[in-house]
Every structure is written in structure tokens, then in C-alpha cells.
Amino acid sequence: MKMQLNVSTSQIQYWHPGMECCDEIWEEAYRRFETPDQEFQNFLKRLQQLGVDNWDKNLKVVDLFCGQGTGLHALEQLGFHSIEGVDLSPYLLEQYQGKSQLYVGDCRELKF
């Protein structure tokens, strides 16, 4: 079952057409692993443990394996402005609601 698209198509770029992930069963299990709020709080905690609060908020940040974008939201809340996300799953990327640029791609071949 496909969920409704939440992001504009211009926000998602395909780096490796045909290589995207298509395992909706795994992706649905991922979405059930934690509630969105639990996942968000865990991201905030881990990022703060890394000392992200002290980093320059103008850094360009790329979230690899960003999934549905919860880490992107955490980085936004921590004050970062230039954030991008990469994942093999367009299905998960479509769940993201935010301003970050998204890429369907393989993190072993980044196109920056």
C-alpha cells in the first residue's frame, strides 16, 4: 500500500534510477519500530551526545540513510540550515515533510 506523497517531486532527485529500494514490507516494519516522537527524541539525544550543539549551524549536513527524515527534523530543530538527505527508498523519502533537499541514491556513490 503506497502512502500519499507529502513532498514536492522537485524536492526528490534520483541519482541512480532503477537502483531504488522497493521492499515495502521492510519499510513498513521500519515505520512501526518506534513512534515518530520516540525516533525524533532518540535522534536528538544521539546528536547532542556527539556535541552537535557546539557545531557551526552553517555547516552543510548530509543525512545518509535518512529514511522518512526524522533525523533531518532533529537537525533542523538544532538550528542547522543547509541539510540534505539521501536514501535508497523513495517510499520512505515521500513521508518527509520539511524543507531539506532529498536524493534517492546509493551512499556509496554520492553525487555532490
PDB file of N, CA and C in Angstrom:
ATOM      1  N   MET A   1       0.835  -1.179   0.000  1.00  0.00           N
ATOM      2  CA  MET A   1       0.000   0.000   0.000  1.00  0.00           C
ATOM      3  C   MET A   1       0.879   1.242   0.000  1.00  0.00           C
ATOM      4  N   LYS A   2       0.754   2.104  -0.988  1.00  0.00           N
ATOM      5  CA  LYS A   2       1.533   3.345  -1.070  1.00  0.00           C
ATOM      6  C   LYS A   2       0.827   4.441  -0.290  1.00  0.00           C
ATOM      7  N   MET A   3       1.619   5.205   0.460  1.00  0.00           N
ATOM      8  CA  MET A   3       1.074   6.333   1.194  1.00  0.00           C
ATOM      9  C   MET A   3       1.073   7.552   0.285  1.00  0.00           C
ATOM     10  N   GLN A   4       0.257   8.546   0.626  1.00  0.00           N
ATOM     11  CA  GLN A   4       0.177   9.759  -0.176  1.00  0.00           C
ATOM     12  C   GLN A   4       1.499  10.529  -0.114  1.00  0.00           C
ATOM     13  N   LEU A   5       1.876  11.089  -1.228  1.00  0.00           N
ATOM     14  CA  LEU A   5       3.107  11.854  -1.350  1.00  0.00           C
ATOM     15  C   LEU A   5       2.999  13.139  -0.550  1.00  0.00           C
ATOM     16  N   ASN A   6       3.971  13.397   0.362  1.00  0.00           N
ATOM     17  CA  ASN A   6       3.967  14.584   1.197  1.00  0.00           C
ATOM     18  C   ASN A   6       4.962  15.639   0.743  1.00  0.00           C
ATOM     19  N   VAL A   7       5.886  15.300  -0.117  1.00  0.00           N
ATOM     20  CA  VAL A   7       6.909  16.244  -0.551  1.00  0.00           C
ATOM     21  C   VAL A   7       6.709  16.543  -2.027  1.00  0.00           C
ATOM     22  N   SER A   8       7.188  17.702  -2.436  1.00  0.00           N
ATOM     23  CA  SER A   8       7.085  18.025  -3.859  1.00  0.00           C
ATOM     24  C   SER A   8       8.076  17.163  -4.637  1.00  0.00           C
ATOM     25  N   THR A   9       7.725  16.826  -5.853  1.00  0.00           N
ATOM     26  CA  THR A   9       8.615  15.981  -6.644  1.00  0.00           C
ATOM     27  C   THR A   9       9.929  16.690  -6.936  1.00  0.00           C
ATOM     28  N   SER A  10       9.942  18.024  -6.926  1.00  0.00           N
ATOM     29  CA  SER A  10      11.197  18.743  -7.158  1.00  0.00           C
ATOM     30  C   SER A  10      12.135  18.611  -5.959  1.00  0.00           C
ATOM     31  N   GLN A  11      11.602  18.210  -4.844  1.00  0.00           N
ATOM     32  CA  GLN A  11      12.406  18.054  -3.632  1.00  0.00           C
ATOM     33  C   GLN A  11      13.152  16.721  -3.622  1.00  0.00           C
ATOM     34  N   ILE A  12      12.733  15.772  -4.448  1.00  0.00           N
ATOM     35  CA  ILE A  12      13.383  14.463  -4.523  1.00  0.00           C
ATOM     36  C   ILE A  12      14.049  14.321  -5.891  1.00  0.00           C
ATOM     37  N   GLN A  13      15.361  14.091  -5.882  1.00  0.00           N
ATOM     38  CA  GLN A  13      16.100  13.844  -7.118  1.00  0.00           C
ATOM     39  C   GLN A  13      16.609  12.406  -7.099  1.00  0.00           C
ATOM     40  N   TYR A  14      16.591  11.754  -8.265  1.00  0.00           N
ATOM     41  CA  TYR A  14      17.067  10.381  -8.402  1.00  0.00           C
ATOM     42  C   TYR A  14      18.490  10.401  -8.949  1.00  0.00           C
ATOM     43  N   TRP A  15      19.426   9.862  -8.172  1.00  0.00           N
ATOM     44  CA  TRP A  15      20.814   9.763  -8.616  1.00  0.00           C
ATOM     45  C   TRP A  15      21.061   8.497  -9.422  1.00  0.00           C
ATOM     46  N   HIS A  16      20.405   7.417  -9.061  1.00  0.00           N
ATOM     47  CA  HIS A  16      20.635   6.107  -9.673  1.00  0.00           C
ATOM     48  C   HIS A  16      19.291   5.488 -10.065  1.00  0.00           C
ATOM     49  N   PRO A  17      18.637   6.011 -11.082  1.00  0.00           N
ATOM     50  CA  PRO A  17      17.340   5.447 -11.469  1.00  0.00           C
ATOM     51  C   PRO A  17      17.430   3.930 -11.666  1.00  0.00           C
ATOM     52  N   GLY A  18      16.458   3.246 -11.108  1.00  0.00           N
ATOM     53  CA  GLY A  18      16.421   1.796 -11.213  1.00  0.00           C
ATOM     54  C   GLY A  18      17.091   1.076 -10.058  1.00  0.00           C
ATOM     55  N   MET A  19      17.839   1.802  -9.218  1.00  0.00           N
ATOM     56  CA  MET A  19      18.511   1.168  -8.073  1.00  0.00           C
ATOM     57  C   MET A  19      17.761   1.407  -6.768  1.00  0.00           C
ATOM     58  N   GLU A  20      16.646   2.126  -6.832  1.00  0.00           N
ATOM     59  CA  GLU A  20      15.940   2.436  -5.598  1.00  0.00           C
ATOM     60  C   GLU A  20      15.415   1.168  -4.933  1.00  0.00           C
ATOM     61  N   CYS A  21      15.265   1.265  -3.635  1.00  0.00           N
ATOM     62  CA  CYS A  21      14.768   0.151  -2.830  1.00  0.00           C
ATOM     63  C   CYS A  21      13.272   0.000  -3.074  1.00  0.00           C
ATOM     64  N   CYS A  22      12.787  -1.197  -3.105  1.00  0.00           N
ATOM     65  CA  CYS A  22      11.354  -1.404  -3.359  1.00  0.00           C
ATOM     66  C   CYS A  22      10.756  -2.436  -2.412  1.00  0.00           C
ATOM     67  N   ASP A  23      11.323  -2.590  -1.222  1.00  0.00           N
ATOM     68  CA  ASP A  23      10.826  -3.578  -0.273  1.00  0.00           C
ATOM     69  C   ASP A  23       9.867  -2.913   0.714  1.00  0.00           C
ATOM     70  N   GLU A  24       8.611  -2.799   0.321  1.00  0.00           N
ATOM     71  CA  GLU A  24       7.625  -2.107   1.145  1.00  0.00           C
ATOM     72  C   GLU A  24       7.377  -2.816   2.472  1.00  0.00           C
ATOM     73  N   ILE A  25       7.555  -4.130   2.543  1.00  0.00           N
ATOM     74  CA  ILE A  25       7.359  -4.855   3.803  1.00  0.00           C
ATOM     75  C   ILE A  25       8.399  -4.405   4.821  1.00  0.00           C
ATOM     76  N   TRP A  26       9.676  -4.331   4.400  1.00  0.00           N
ATOM     77  CA  TRP A  26      10.729  -3.861   5.303  1.00  0.00           C
ATOM     78  C   TRP A  26      10.463  -2.421   5.710  1.00  0.00           C
ATOM     79  N   GLU A  27      10.065  -1.584   4.753  1.00  0.00           N
ATOM     80  CA  GLU A  27       9.835  -0.176   5.034  1.00  0.00           C
ATOM     81  C   GLU A  27       8.679   0.026   6.003  1.00  0.00           C
ATOM     82  N   GLU A  28       7.631  -0.755   5.888  1.00  0.00           N
ATOM     83  CA  GLU A  28       6.521  -0.676   6.843  1.00  0.00           C
ATOM     84  C   GLU A  28       6.985  -1.114   8.230  1.00  0.00           C
ATOM     85  N   ALA A  29       7.829  -2.141   8.299  1.00  0.00           N
ATOM     86  CA  ALA A  29       8.365  -2.586   9.600  1.00  0.00           C
ATOM     87  C   ALA A  29       9.214  -1.482  10.222  1.00  0.00           C
ATOM     88  N   TYR A  30      10.020  -0.807   9.399  1.00  0.00           N
ATOM     89  CA  TYR A  30      10.827   0.315   9.877  1.00  0.00           C
ATOM     90  C   TYR A  30       9.939   1.381  10.501  1.00  0.00           C
ATOM     91  N   ARG A  31       8.823   1.671   9.842  1.00  0.00           N
ATOM     92  CA  ARG A  31       7.927   2.720  10.328  1.00  0.00           C
ATOM     93  C   ARG A  31       7.222   2.321  11.625  1.00  0.00           C
ATOM     94  N   ARG A  32       7.128   1.031  11.914  1.00  0.00           N
ATOM     95  CA  ARG A  32       6.490   0.572  13.145  1.00  0.00           C
ATOM     96  C   ARG A  32       7.479   0.386  14.294  1.00  0.00           C
ATOM     97  N   PHE A  33       8.791   0.439  14.022  1.00  0.00           N
ATOM     98  CA  PHE A  33       9.821   0.161  15.022  1.00  0.00           C
ATOM     99  C   PHE A  33       9.714   1.092  16.223  1.00  0.00           C
ATOM    100  N   GLU A  34       9.553   2.368  15.979  1.00  0.00           N
ATOM    101  CA  GLU A  34       9.383   3.371  17.024  1.00  0.00           C
ATOM    102  C   GLU A  34       8.289   4.319  16.570  1.00  0.00           C
ATOM    103  N   THR A  35       7.658   4.985  17.534  1.00  0.00           N
ATOM    104  CA  THR A  35       6.734   6.038  17.130  1.00  0.00           C
ATOM    105  C   THR A  35       7.569   7.180  16.561  1.00  0.00           C
ATOM    106  N   PRO A  36       6.985   8.028  15.732  1.00  0.00           N
ATOM    107  CA  PRO A  36       7.748   9.162  15.214  1.00  0.00           C
ATOM    108  C   PRO A  36       8.357  10.017  16.327  1.00  0.00           C
ATOM    109  N   ASP A  37       7.626  10.226  17.414  1.00  0.00           N
ATOM    110  CA  ASP A  37       8.157  11.025  18.518  1.00  0.00           C
ATOM    111  C   ASP A  37       9.331  10.322  19.203  1.00  0.00           C
ATOM    112  N   GLN A  38       9.234   9.007  19.414  1.00  0.00           N
ATOM    113  CA  GLN A  38      10.344   8.257  20.021  1.00  0.00           C
ATOM    114  C   GLN A  38      11.585   8.339  19.139  1.00  0.00           C
ATOM    115  N   GLU A  39      11.409   8.160  17.832  1.00  0.00           N
ATOM    116  CA  GLU A  39      12.537   8.220  16.911  1.00  0.00           C
ATOM    117  C   GLU A  39      13.164   9.621  16.940  1.00  0.00           C
ATOM    118  N   PHE A  40      12.329  10.658  16.948  1.00  0.00           N
ATOM    119  CA  PHE A  40      12.813  12.033  16.982  1.00  0.00           C
ATOM    120  C   PHE A  40      13.619  12.295  18.261  1.00  0.00           C
ATOM    121  N   GLN A  41      13.079  11.891  19.387  1.00  0.00           N
ATOM    122  CA  GLN A  41      13.775  12.106  20.664  1.00  0.00           C
ATOM    123  C   GLN A  41      15.097  11.344  20.696  1.00  0.00           C
ATOM    124  N   ASN A  42      15.129  10.147  20.145  1.00  0.00           N
ATOM    125  CA  ASN A  42      16.376   9.369  20.093  1.00  0.00           C
ATOM    126  C   ASN A  42      17.410  10.045  19.195  1.00  0.00           C
ATOM    127  N   PHE A  43      16.972  10.591  18.072  1.00  0.00           N
ATOM    128  CA  PHE A  43      17.897  11.334  17.207  1.00  0.00           C
ATOM    129  C   PHE A  43      18.475  12.533  17.942  1.00  0.00           C
ATOM    130  N   LEU A  44      17.606  13.318  18.598  1.00  0.00           N
ATOM    131  CA  LEU A  44      18.079  14.492  19.335  1.00  0.00           C
ATOM    132  C   LEU A  44      19.118  14.095  20.384  1.00  0.00           C
ATOM    133  N   LYS A  45      18.818  13.047  21.120  1.00  0.00           N
ATOM    134  CA  LYS A  45      19.722  12.590  22.184  1.00  0.00           C
ATOM    135  C   LYS A  45      21.080  12.179  21.611  1.00  0.00           C
ATOM    136  N   ARG A  46      21.071  11.374  20.547  1.00  0.00           N
ATOM    137  CA  ARG A  46      22.336  10.916  19.953  1.00  0.00           C
ATOM    138  C   ARG A  46      23.135  12.073  19.368  1.00  0.00           C
ATOM    139  N   LEU A  47      22.460  12.996  18.692  1.00  0.00           N
ATOM    140  CA  LEU A  47      23.163  14.143  18.115  1.00  0.00           C
ATOM    141  C   LEU A  47      23.768  15.023  19.207  1.00  0.00           C
ATOM    142  N   GLN A  48      23.032  15.222  20.277  1.00  0.00           N
ATOM    143  CA  GLN A  48      23.553  16.034  21.374  1.00  0.00           C
ATOM    144  C   GLN A  48      24.721  15.338  22.061  1.00  0.00           C
ATOM    145  N   GLN A  49      24.685  14.017  22.167  1.00  0.00           N
ATOM    146  CA  GLN A  49      25.815  13.275  22.737  1.00  0.00           C
ATOM    147  C   GLN A  49      27.063  13.429  21.874  1.00  0.00           C
ATOM    148  N   LEU A  50      26.893  13.633  20.586  1.00  0.00           N
ATOM    149  CA  LEU A  50      28.019  13.852  19.682  1.00  0.00           C
ATOM    150  C   LEU A  50      28.556  15.284  19.761  1.00  0.00           C
ATOM    151  N   GLY A  51      27.855  16.138  20.486  1.00  0.00           N
ATOM    152  CA  GLY A  51      28.305  17.516  20.622  1.00  0.00           C
ATOM    153  C   GLY A  51      27.812  18.441  19.530  1.00  0.00           C
ATOM    154  N   VAL A  52      26.761  18.052  18.831  1.00  0.00           N
ATOM    155  CA  VAL A  52      26.247  18.831  17.712  1.00  0.00           C
ATOM    156  C   VAL A  52      25.822  20.237  18.145  1.00  0.00           C
ATOM    157  N   ASP A  53      25.407  20.400  19.394  1.00  0.00           N
ATOM    158  CA  ASP A  53      25.005  21.725  19.875  1.00  0.00           C
ATOM    159  C   ASP A  53      26.119  22.755  19.710  1.00  0.00           C
ATOM    160  N   ASN A  54      27.366  22.303  19.711  1.00  0.00           N
ATOM    161  CA  ASN A  54      28.512  23.205  19.618  1.00  0.00           C
ATOM    162  C   ASN A  54      29.027  23.391  18.196  1.00  0.00           C
ATOM    163  N   TRP A  55      28.443  22.724  17.221  1.00  0.00           N
ATOM    164  CA  TRP A  55      28.894  22.829  15.841  1.00  0.00           C
ATOM    165  C   TRP A  55      28.359  24.103  15.189  1.00  0.00           C
ATOM    166  N   ASP A  56      29.061  24.588  14.187  1.00  0.00           N
ATOM    167  CA  ASP A  56      28.635  25.743  13.395  1.00  0.00           C
ATOM    168  C   ASP A  56      27.334  25.378  12.663  1.00  0.00           C
ATOM    169  N   LYS A  57      26.289  26.130  12.897  1.00  0.00           N
ATOM    170  CA  LYS A  57      24.978  25.822  12.306  1.00  0.00           C
ATOM    171  C   LYS A  57      24.924  26.119  10.811  1.00  0.00           C
ATOM    172  N   ASN A  58      25.973  26.732  10.266  1.00  0.00           N
ATOM    173  CA  ASN A  58      26.034  26.988   8.826  1.00  0.00           C
ATOM    174  C   ASN A  58      26.730  25.873   8.059  1.00  0.00           C
ATOM    175  N   LEU A  59      27.150  24.823   8.765  1.00  0.00           N
ATOM    176  CA  LEU A  59      27.743  23.672   8.085  1.00  0.00           C
ATOM    177  C   LEU A  59      26.727  23.053   7.133  1.00  0.00           C
ATOM    178  N   LYS A  60      27.213  22.483   6.040  1.00  0.00           N
ATOM    179  CA  LYS A  60      26.353  21.706   5.155  1.00  0.00           C
ATOM    180  C   LYS A  60      26.326  20.287   5.701  1.00  0.00           C
ATOM    181  N   VAL A  61      25.136  19.777   5.961  1.00  0.00           N
ATOM    182  CA  VAL A  61      24.980  18.465   6.588  1.00  0.00           C
ATOM    183  C   VAL A  61      24.201  17.546   5.659  1.00  0.00           C
ATOM    184  N   VAL A  62      24.701  16.312   5.488  1.00  0.00           N
ATOM    185  CA  VAL A  62      24.000  15.303   4.708  1.00  0.00           C
ATOM    186  C   VAL A  62      23.666  14.141   5.635  1.00  0.00           C
ATOM    187  N   ASP A  63      22.396  13.781   5.692  1.00  0.00           N
ATOM    188  CA  ASP A  63      21.936  12.642   6.479  1.00  0.00           C
ATOM    189  C   ASP A  63      21.850  11.444   5.534  1.00  0.00           C
ATOM    190  N   LEU A  64      22.807  10.507   5.680  1.00  0.00           N
ATOM    191  CA  LEU A  64      22.790   9.281   4.883  1.00  0.00           C
ATOM    192  C   LEU A  64      21.805   8.302   5.497  1.00  0.00           C
ATOM    193  N   PHE A  65      21.127   7.540   4.678  1.00  0.00           N
ATOM    194  CA  PHE A  65      20.099   6.603   5.140  1.00  0.00           C
ATOM    195  C   PHE A  65      19.021   7.358   5.909  1.00  0.00           C
ATOM    196  N   CYS A  66      18.579   8.502   5.397  1.00  0.00           N
ATOM    197  CA  CYS A  66      17.687   9.391   6.141  1.00  0.00           C
ATOM    198  C   CYS A  66      16.268   8.868   6.271  1.00  0.00           C
ATOM    199  N   GLY A  67      15.912   7.836   5.518  1.00  0.00           N
ATOM    200  CA  GLY A  67      14.582   7.248   5.663  1.00  0.00           C
ATOM    201  C   GLY A  67      13.488   8.285   5.501  1.00  0.00           C
ATOM    202  N   GLN A  68      12.606   8.350   6.482  1.00  0.00           N
ATOM    203  CA  GLN A  68      11.469   9.271   6.411  1.00  0.00           C
ATOM    204  C   GLN A  68      11.807  10.668   6.920  1.00  0.00           C
ATOM    205  N   GLY A  69      13.076  10.913   7.230  1.00  0.00           N
ATOM    206  CA  GLY A  69      13.524  12.266   7.521  1.00  0.00           C
ATOM    207  C   GLY A  69      13.480  12.714   8.960  1.00  0.00           C
ATOM    208  N   THR A  70      13.349  11.789   9.895  1.00  0.00           N
ATOM    209  CA  THR A  70      13.287  12.181  11.301  1.00  0.00           C
ATOM    210  C   THR A  70      14.583  12.843  11.752  1.00  0.00           C
ATOM    211  N   GLY A  71      15.719  12.336  11.287  1.00  0.00           N
ATOM    212  CA  GLY A  71      16.998  12.960  11.618  1.00  0.00           C
ATOM    213  C   GLY A  71      17.121  14.343  11.015  1.00  0.00           C
ATOM    214  N   LEU A  72      16.543  14.543   9.832  1.00  0.00           N
ATOM    215  CA  LEU A  72      16.533  15.860   9.206  1.00  0.00           C
ATOM    216  C   LEU A  72      15.775  16.849  10.088  1.00  0.00           C
ATOM    217  N   HIS A  73      14.640  16.402  10.634  1.00  0.00           N
ATOM    218  CA  HIS A  73      13.863  17.255  11.530  1.00  0.00           C
ATOM    219  C   HIS A  73      14.648  17.582  12.799  1.00  0.00           C
ATOM    220  N   ALA A  74      15.363  16.607  13.327  1.00  0.00           N
ATOM    221  CA  ALA A  74      16.167  16.845  14.531  1.00  0.00           C
ATOM    222  C   ALA A  74      17.259  17.873  14.243  1.00  0.00           C
ATOM    223  N   LEU A  75      17.927  17.742  13.107  1.00  0.00           N
ATOM    224  CA  LEU A  75      18.965  18.705  12.730  1.00  0.00           C
ATOM    225  C   LEU A  75      18.378  20.100  12.530  1.00  0.00           C
ATOM    226  N   GLU A  76      17.186  20.173  11.950  1.00  0.00           N
ATOM    227  CA  GLU A  76      16.516  21.462  11.784  1.00  0.00           C
ATOM    228  C   GLU A  76      16.243  22.090  13.152  1.00  0.00           C
ATOM    229  N   GLN A  77      15.738  21.289  14.073  1.00  0.00           N
ATOM    230  CA  GLN A  77      15.431  21.809  15.412  1.00  0.00           C
ATOM    231  C   GLN A  77      16.699  22.272  16.130  1.00  0.00           C
ATOM    232  N   LEU A  78      17.820  21.625  15.856  1.00  0.00           N
ATOM    233  CA  LEU A  78      19.084  22.006  16.475  1.00  0.00           C
ATOM    234  C   LEU A  78      19.691  23.244  15.820  1.00  0.00           C
ATOM    235  N   GLY A  79      19.045  23.776  14.781  1.00  0.00           N
ATOM    236  CA  GLY A  79      19.454  25.043  14.208  1.00  0.00           C
ATOM    237  C   GLY A  79      20.235  24.994  12.911  1.00  0.00           C
ATOM    238  N   PHE A  80      20.384  23.820  12.322  1.00  0.00           N
ATOM    239  CA  PHE A  80      21.115  23.726  11.052  1.00  0.00           C
ATOM    240  C   PHE A  80      20.224  24.208   9.908  1.00  0.00           C
ATOM    241  N   HIS A  81      20.846  24.839   8.903  1.00  0.00           N
ATOM    242  CA  HIS A  81      20.096  25.469   7.816  1.00  0.00           C
ATOM    243  C   HIS A  81      20.290  24.778   6.479  1.00  0.00           C
ATOM    244  N   SER A  82      21.432  24.168   6.255  1.00  0.00           N
ATOM    245  CA  SER A  82      21.748  23.560   4.966  1.00  0.00           C
ATOM    246  C   SER A  82      21.823  22.044   5.152  1.00  0.00           C
ATOM    247  N   ILE A  83      20.684  21.395   4.990  1.00  0.00           N
ATOM    248  CA  ILE A  83      20.567  19.959   5.284  1.00  0.00           C
ATOM    249  C   ILE A  83      20.018  19.246   4.055  1.00  0.00           C
ATOM    250  N   GLU A  84      20.623  18.095   3.730  1.00  0.00           N
ATOM    251  CA  GLU A  84      20.144  17.265   2.639  1.00  0.00           C
ATOM    252  C   GLU A  84      20.071  15.814   3.127  1.00  0.00           C
ATOM    253  N   GLY A  85      19.225  15.026   2.499  1.00  0.00           N
ATOM    254  CA  GLY A  85      19.070  13.638   2.889  1.00  0.00           C
ATOM    255  C   GLY A  85      19.196  12.700   1.708  1.00  0.00           C
ATOM    256  N   VAL A  86      19.804  11.524   1.949  1.00  0.00           N
ATOM    257  CA  VAL A  86      19.989  10.503   0.915  1.00  0.00           C
ATOM    258  C   VAL A  86      19.442   9.175   1.440  1.00  0.00           C
ATOM    259  N   ASP A  87      18.665   8.498   0.614  1.00  0.00           N
ATOM    260  CA  ASP A  87      18.166   7.165   0.951  1.00  0.00           C
ATOM    261  C   ASP A  87      17.864   6.438  -0.346  1.00  0.00           C
ATOM    262  N   LEU A  88      17.902   5.117  -0.313  1.00  0.00           N
ATOM    263  CA  LEU A  88      17.555   4.313  -1.497  1.00  0.00           C
ATOM    264  C   LEU A  88      16.045   4.170  -1.677  1.00  0.00           C
ATOM    265  N   SER A  89      15.271   4.569  -0.687  1.00  0.00           N
ATOM    266  CA  SER A  89      13.834   4.338  -0.733  1.00  0.00           C
ATOM    267  C   SER A  89      13.037   5.610  -1.014  1.00  0.00           C
ATOM    268  N   PRO A  90      12.503   5.739  -2.225  1.00  0.00           N
ATOM    269  CA  PRO A  90      11.623   6.882  -2.474  1.00  0.00           C
ATOM    270  C   PRO A  90      10.365   6.808  -1.619  1.00  0.00           C
ATOM    271  N   TYR A  91       9.933   5.594  -1.308  1.00  0.00           N
ATOM    272  CA  TYR A  91       8.744   5.386  -0.474  1.00  0.00           C
ATOM    273  C   TYR A  91       8.937   6.045   0.891  1.00  0.00           C
ATOM    274  N   LEU A  92      10.104   5.851   1.524  1.00  0.00           N
ATOM    275  CA  LEU A  92      10.351   6.493   2.813  1.00  0.00           C
ATOM    276  C   LEU A  92      10.560   7.991   2.657  1.00  0.00           C
ATOM    277  N   LEU A  93      11.294   8.407   1.631  1.00  0.00           N
ATOM    278  CA  LEU A  93      11.528   9.835   1.426  1.00  0.00           C
ATOM    279  C   LEU A  93      10.218  10.593   1.243  1.00  0.00           C
ATOM    280  N   GLU A  94       9.244   9.954   0.629  1.00  0.00           N
ATOM    281  CA  GLU A  94       7.951  10.601   0.416  1.00  0.00           C
ATOM    282  C   GLU A  94       7.235  10.931   1.718  1.00  0.00           C
ATOM    283  N   GLN A  95       7.631  10.306   2.823  1.00  0.00           N
ATOM    284  CA  GLN A  95       6.987  10.551   4.110  1.00  0.00           C
ATOM    285  C   GLN A  95       7.482  11.848   4.754  1.00  0.00           C
ATOM    286  N   TYR A  96       8.625  12.332   4.309  1.00  0.00           N
ATOM    287  CA  TYR A  96       9.242  13.524   4.891  1.00  0.00           C
ATOM    288  C   TYR A  96       8.434  14.775   4.582  1.00  0.00           C
ATOM    289  N   GLN A  97       8.234  15.594   5.597  1.00  0.00           N
ATOM    290  CA  GLN A  97       7.569  16.878   5.433  1.00  0.00           C
ATOM    291  C   GLN A  97       8.516  17.941   5.976  1.00  0.00           C
ATOM    292  N   GLY A  98       9.206  18.608   5.106  1.00  0.00           N
ATOM    293  CA  GLY A  98      10.157  19.627   5.524  1.00  0.00           C
ATOM    294  C   GLY A  98      10.764  20.310   4.322  1.00  0.00           C
ATOM    295  N   LYS A  99      11.835  21.057   4.574  1.00  0.00           N
ATOM    296  CA  LYS A  99      12.445  21.892   3.543  1.00  0.00           C
ATOM    297  C   LYS A  99      13.708  21.300   2.924  1.00  0.00           C
ATOM    298  N   SER A 100      14.252  20.253   3.488  1.00  0.00           N
ATOM    299  CA  SER A 100      15.527  19.712   3.019  1.00  0.00           C
ATOM    300  C   SER A 100      15.415  19.113   1.619  1.00  0.00           C
ATOM    301  N   GLN A 101      16.509  19.210   0.872  1.00  0.00           N
ATOM    302  CA  GLN A 101      16.602  18.557  -0.437  1.00  0.00           C
ATOM    303  C   GLN A 101      16.839  17.067  -0.204  1.00  0.00           C
ATOM    304  N   LEU A 102      16.144  16.228  -0.941  1.00  0.00           N
ATOM    305  CA  LEU A 102      16.254  14.779  -0.791  1.00  0.00           C
ATOM    306  C   LEU A 102      16.769  14.152  -2.077  1.00  0.00           C
ATOM    307  N   TYR A 103      17.521  13.053  -1.906  1.00  0.00           N
ATOM    308  CA  TYR A 103      18.066  12.316  -3.044  1.00  0.00           C
ATOM    309  C   TYR A 103      17.801  10.831  -2.867  1.00  0.00           C
ATOM    310  N   VAL A 104      17.273  10.197  -3.903  1.00  0.00           N
ATOM    311  CA  VAL A 104      17.201   8.744  -3.945  1.00  0.00           C
ATOM    312  C   VAL A 104      18.531   8.320  -4.537  1.00  0.00           C
ATOM    313  N   GLY A 105      19.348   7.668  -3.721  1.00  0.00           N
ATOM    314  CA  GLY A 105      20.659   7.300  -4.211  1.00  0.00           C
ATOM    315  C   GLY A 105      21.384   6.354  -3.290  1.00  0.00           C
ATOM    316  N   ASP A 106      22.465   5.832  -3.802  1.00  0.00           N
ATOM    317  CA  ASP A 106      23.334   4.898  -3.087  1.00  0.00           C
ATOM    318  C   ASP A 106      24.421   5.719  -2.399  1.00  0.00           C
ATOM    319  N   CYS A 107      24.543   5.587  -1.084  1.00  0.00           N
ATOM    320  CA  CYS A 107      25.526   6.395  -0.342  1.00  0.00           C
ATOM    321  C   CYS A 107      26.967   6.029  -0.702  1.00  0.00           C
ATOM    322  N   ARG A 108      27.151   4.928  -1.421  1.00  0.00           N
ATOM    323  CA  ARG A 108      28.500   4.570  -1.864  1.00  0.00           C
ATOM    324  C   ARG A 108      28.913   5.371  -3.093  1.00  0.00           C
ATOM    325  N   GLU A 109      27.954   6.069  -3.706  1.00  0.00           N
ATOM    326  CA  GLU A 109      28.232   6.884  -4.887  1.00  0.00           C
ATOM    327  C   GLU A 109      27.522   8.213  -4.748  1.00  0.00           C
ATOM    328  N   LEU A 110      27.978   9.052  -3.826  1.00  0.00           N
ATOM    329  CA  LEU A 110      27.357  10.346  -3.628  1.00  0.00           C
ATOM    330  C   LEU A 110      27.633  11.254  -4.822  1.00  0.00           C
ATOM    331  N   LYS A 111      26.667  12.035  -5.208  1.00  0.00           N
ATOM    332  CA  LYS A 111      26.765  12.883  -6.410  1.00  0.00           C
ATOM    333  C   LYS A 111      26.925  14.359  -6.071  1.00  0.00           C
ATOM    334  N   PHE A 112      27.500  14.669  -4.931  1.00  0.00           N
ATOM    335  CA  PHE A 112      27.711  16.078  -4.575  1.00  0.00           C
ATOM    336  C   PHE A 112      28.908  16.629  -5.300  1.00  0.00           C
TER     337      PHE A 112
END
